[in-house]
Protein backbone atom coordinates (compact mmCIF):
# COMPACT_ATOMS: atom_id res chain seq x y z
CA MET A 1 72.71 -14.10 -23.28
CA LEU A 2 72.35 -17.73 -22.44
CA LEU A 3 69.92 -18.87 -19.78
CA LEU A 4 69.84 -22.52 -18.77
CA ALA A 5 67.69 -24.42 -16.30
CA ASN A 6 67.71 -28.19 -15.93
CA GLY A 7 65.61 -28.57 -12.78
CA ALA A 8 68.47 -30.20 -10.85
CA SER A 9 67.94 -27.90 -7.86
CA GLY A 10 64.42 -29.21 -7.36
CA ILE A 11 63.13 -25.69 -6.72
CA GLN A 12 59.62 -25.10 -8.06
CA PRO A 13 59.02 -21.33 -8.38
CA THR A 14 55.51 -20.03 -7.81
CA GLU A 15 53.64 -18.18 -10.54
CA LYS A 16 54.43 -14.91 -8.77
CA GLU A 17 58.16 -15.77 -8.72
CA ARG A 18 58.05 -16.80 -12.38
CA ALA A 19 56.46 -13.46 -13.27
CA LYS A 20 59.20 -11.60 -11.40
CA ILE A 21 61.90 -13.59 -13.21
CA GLN A 22 60.25 -12.97 -16.57
CA GLU A 23 60.00 -9.22 -15.89
CA ALA A 24 63.64 -9.02 -14.77
CA LEU A 25 64.82 -10.92 -17.87
CA SER A 26 62.70 -8.69 -20.13
CA GLN A 27 64.24 -5.56 -18.59
CA VAL A 28 67.79 -6.91 -19.03
CA MET A 29 67.15 -7.95 -22.64
CA GLU A 30 65.54 -4.61 -23.55
CA ASN A 31 68.46 -2.75 -21.98
CA LEU A 32 70.96 -4.84 -23.94
CA ALA A 33 69.03 -4.34 -27.19
CA ARG A 34 69.03 -0.56 -26.69
CA GLN A 35 72.77 -0.58 -25.99
CA ILE A 36 73.40 -2.52 -29.20
CA VAL A 37 71.40 0.02 -31.21
CA ARG A 38 73.13 3.01 -29.60
CA ASP A 39 76.56 1.50 -30.26
CA GLY A 40 75.77 0.81 -33.92
CA GLU A 41 78.00 2.41 -36.52
CA GLY A 42 76.28 5.36 -38.12
CA ALA A 43 73.36 5.27 -35.69
CA ARG A 44 72.11 8.80 -35.11
CA LYS A 45 68.69 8.21 -33.63
CA LEU A 46 66.86 5.76 -31.42
CA ILE A 47 63.11 5.94 -31.78
CA THR A 48 60.91 3.75 -29.61
CA ILE A 49 57.29 3.32 -30.67
CA GLU A 50 54.74 1.32 -28.72
CA ILE A 51 51.53 0.41 -30.53
CA SER A 52 48.42 -0.82 -28.73
CA GLY A 53 44.97 -1.57 -30.06
CA ALA A 54 46.07 -2.46 -33.59
CA PRO A 55 44.01 -5.21 -35.22
CA GLY A 56 47.13 -7.35 -35.76
CA ASP A 57 50.93 -7.45 -35.97
CA GLU A 58 51.06 -6.37 -39.62
CA ALA A 59 48.86 -3.34 -38.94
CA ALA A 60 50.96 -2.44 -35.89
CA GLU A 61 54.13 -2.66 -38.00
CA ARG A 62 52.63 -0.42 -40.72
CA ILE A 63 51.60 2.15 -38.11
CA ALA A 64 55.02 2.04 -36.41
CA ARG A 65 56.84 2.39 -39.74
CA SER A 66 54.67 5.37 -40.72
CA ILE A 67 55.30 7.10 -37.39
CA CYS A 68 59.01 6.36 -37.64
CA GLU A 69 59.28 7.73 -41.18
CA PHE A 70 57.30 10.84 -40.25
CA THR A 71 59.38 11.45 -37.12
CA ALA A 72 62.79 10.65 -38.60
CA GLY A 73 62.07 12.26 -41.95
CA GLN A 74 63.52 9.28 -43.78
CA ASP A 75 62.91 5.61 -44.50
CA CYS A 76 63.21 3.41 -41.45
CA ASP A 77 65.08 0.17 -41.84
CA ARG A 78 63.67 -3.27 -41.12
CA ARG A 79 64.28 -3.12 -37.38
CA VAL A 80 60.65 -2.10 -36.89
């Protein structure tokens, strides 16, 4: 996906409008990412794990990898 904006229109979106645009783009990108995973050769499972309250990104990744390995019963690749 390529998204370009050069300001030529002169439109200045409000913070509320910017938030709506950001949410819409996030939904589209997440949907595309899930489609890519589902279409992957040899893909048998799609596991989505959301971590909150972890002390940092590394801790969140360790927790997610542990949950993934426990759930899938195998090593999870580096897409965590």
